[in-house]
Amino acid sequence: MRVGQVSVRLGLWAALASGLVIGMATEVRAEERSPLASRRSPLAPALRAADAREKGGTDPEVPLNKGDLGGSKPAAQPDISHVRDQPQPATTVKEWIAQIEAAQVQVTGVKLERTEAGLDIVLETAEGKPLTIDATKFRREGNSLIAEIPNATLVLPQGQPFVADNPTVDIATVQVEQQAGNIRVNVAGKEGLPKTAVTLKTGGLAYSLNPEGNEADEEIEIVVTGERQQDGYRVPNASVGTRTDTPLRDIPQSIQVIPQQVLQDQNVTDLGEALRNVPGASLENAARSFIQSSFTLRGFPAGGDVLWNGWRENPGAGIVGFDAAAIERIEVIKGPASVLYGQGGLAGTVNYVTKQPLREPYYALEASAGSFNFYRGAIDLSGPLNDSKTVLYRLNLAAQTTESFFDFFDGQRYFVAPTPTFQISDRTKLTLAAAYLARPQSSNQGYGLPAEGTALPNPNGKIPRNRSIGEPDDLENSYSTRVGYDLEHCFSDNWQIRNAFRYTQSDLRRRFYFGTALAEDNRTLSRRYNELTEYSNRFFNSDTYVVGKFSTGSIRHQVVAGINVTRNELDLASFNREAASIDLFNPVYGQPLGTLIDEGDSFSRADALGIYVQDQITLAKNLKLLLGGRFDTFSQIDRDQLSNTETSQSGNAFSPRVGIVYQPIQPISLYASYSRSFTPTIGIGFDGDVFQPERGTQYEVGIKADLNNRLSATLAFYDLTKSNVLTEDTRPGVPLGEFSIQLGEQRSRGVELTLQGEILPGWNIIAGYAHTDAKVTKDNTLPVGLRSTGVPENTFNLWTSYEIQRGVLKGFGGGVGLFFVGEQQGDFNNTFQIPSYLRTDAAIFYKRDRFRAALNFRNLFDVDYIETAFARTRVYRGDPFTVQGTISYEF
């Protein structure tokens, strides 16, 4: 690295650090100006406002008001009088107590949110100050649910009271009004007390106004979900683990959510990069193609186990990927998920949750530019299409072009995703979804480099970082089309049904060169040429399920039962030719191709039918049980188009799931679970028997904690076993190398720790550590004990950001990321290892109202590291130092 580069990067690092220190020091000095402010005096806002005006600045505390049902608009600054017009500071304890009791917390916004659980009433306060809420004093009057909030003032830009008519099928009005020193929340039912679950949310806490049962003398249950209403690093609920809106702390399985704020702060455009925030996840061999987002979870491949808004994608989804412009958050299930989502690996499942239509107009533009001629633009549009707001839309657009650090790469990306929603009635909603992604590009990283000269020493020196073993006219073009619908209908407040259909078509055309062997001179690489003339994958998925709530005595149930039908078709044609060798240190390109080696042309079709049932049982407030099971039947045909031969087979599998959660105290959850998965295995053994499905079994125990309703942590221990793995049949009488037998077994044991959320106002963190022991436990050819390829034994990830909350530097912030990947095996026989590495990322940003600008730095110290490998000639280097600048504006 040149001295100038080092100086520039250290300068950027110093500027980032000094900016954050100055910002935090500014806040500290602002607090030190008044001893009352440091003691959270009720006069603190006025004192800070006065300081700001005297210095020619603006009021550092500008409350934001959320509008009606889901919308948001910035509120005008309140007219705060000068400090000398305020009551004088207390001089005695009695006066101090009187001032504290007289303090009025301003409620600056009211918002209603429909959820799967019911209706949320969100009260937002200036600076997020806490409200005094005593849930034991909630009451019922006639058809209404009443909540009185003392020492609070309603300050809404649109005036008061706040009134919303007919928010649900059984609620006539929701009214929030000012009374003498109090705010009253009144939820009036149409024909009696509302049966819809109504939750009052404020300051990160949630209070149920009407728990199960509506008897007047029933004790009111306070349900603390810990959900932060602001965008943040912590999402307490997810539907992917149970298909119900269940707090993560109540699910007996490790589930991690990467929220929108993390994706924005890290400027994620490649979704594979987002998974660096998931301990135990690592990029797989195809990641460097810039098309595939292949990855491993808990020691096993999981690139094909992808969901789109909770509905399974086709197994080739990893080949075409998805664009970050439409992603709201990413949910990752650790371990098997076959009970709800059918066939798939035991490693885990990734769910891409896309942005949904909004009730209020929203328009956003974003533009980025960066290293290697990176340019990207994105548009996000949403709002109602009629006056009654029963028809809403969301439209996401993106275009991108970039080069890379290795030779001959030039890639584009074009993405469009329209999503309209139709509120057919109070009980029925239809959402249509579509997405088109085109990713034409030239070349790739040549499908890897040899280990000698990258991961291992080479007497000729290190292979140049920009070296590609491909040719300038290589290409890798992918196109995907997704269409579908999601129909929801509520029979009552306790029973609903969902029906969804998805069709995905993925097409890929590719020509490339790959290395086969390195000569004794350690510089001449033998190559082959492969051309994929046809890859067309069509996936049909129809899923219908009901969700119901009922009780058997004092035991509460939430049941999910459904039926799932899928069809997957694949046309595949390719050929291989001999290619001229290449000198890795003095390459000559454009040499003619050699003779044809082999070719293939095939068609396959797989059909599956699954029936599943799940019951979430609440035995007591602190004891929950999860039971589930799924029965699948499947069939597949494979046709060789060249020889005109066809094979077929069928099978079935049962996948159970059992889990328990015990909460000794409110913030702590202890859990244990057992689950199984299956993946069809195609082929016939020497005895003529059809291969059984490959099975996965997981045992998991762990502890989850919600710390101050701001931070969430999960510690998980797991034991995963993959059985029925194909291995070479070496029995006497079996032709050598021609048949396989299902005697293989692989096992992964490990521990994972995650921590994410808000440490202090403006200071966020997402961090994790994973220890993974993945190895072969049974095999006829591989020695028992060999470690799995491309699975680091230890990984650590940390990303923390801070945004200045007050003062003249309000809105400035930055982030720092550390990503450590330990040593990993480079091939199946463990003949060489990939060294460990530590990558440092950073960001600085500025936010003001609806404007945001950011600079993101990846690999800040330009570490030349190996990202992954899976063979002696398939080693993939990581990206060098890059910088990207982004500006965005919301209308």
Foldseek 3Di string as FASTA:
>chain_A
DDPVLVVVLVVVVVVFVVVVVVLVVQVVVLCVVDVCSVVVFLCSQQVQQQVQVVVVHHRFFQDWAADEAFRGDGADRDDRDHPVVDDDDDDDPVVRVVRVLLRAWEFAYWYWYQDLQFIEIETETTVQDDWDFDLQPFADDWQKTKGKTARYDYHYRVDDDDWDACPFPFWGIWTWGDDDRIIMTITGTDPHHDPGFYWYDGSQFIATRDDPDDDRPDGGDGDGQLADPDDWQDDQFDCLQPVGGDGPLFHQFDKDKGFPVNCVQQVDFDVLVVCLLPAQKAADQCVQQVAFSWIFHLAGTARQQEAEQNAHDGSCCRRHDDTPQFFGMKMKTAADDCQRHNFGDGGTHIYGYGDAAGAAWKKKKKWKAKPQGKTKIKIWTKHAPDPVSQKIKIKIWMKIWGAALAPQKIKIKTKIKIKMKGNPDSFKIKIKIKMKMKMKMFDTQLLFFFCDQAQHDAPVHHQDPRYHPKANRWIKIKIKMKIKMKMKGAPGSFKIKIKMKMKMKMWIWTKGKFFDDADPNRFKTWIKIKTWHTWIKIKIKIKMWMWGWDDDVPKIKIKIKIKMKMKMKIWTKMWMWGDGIAGSRDGDDDDDTHGTDDIFTKMKMKIKMKIKMKMWMDPDPFKIKIWMKMKMKMKMKMATPVVRDMDIDIDMDMKIKIKMWGDPDDFKIKMKMKIKHWHDDADAFPVRDGQDTWMKIKIKIWMWGQDVSFKIKIKMWMKMKIFQDWAWDPDPPDPGPPGTGGGWMKMKTKMKMWMWGAPDVQKTKTKMKMAIFIWTCDHDPADGPFHRFFRARIKIKMKMKGASSGDPRHFKMKMKMKIKGAKGAAERNSPDIFHIDIKIKMKIKGDDRFKIKMKIKTSSVFDFGWSGHYDSGRTHTDGGIMMMIMIMGMD
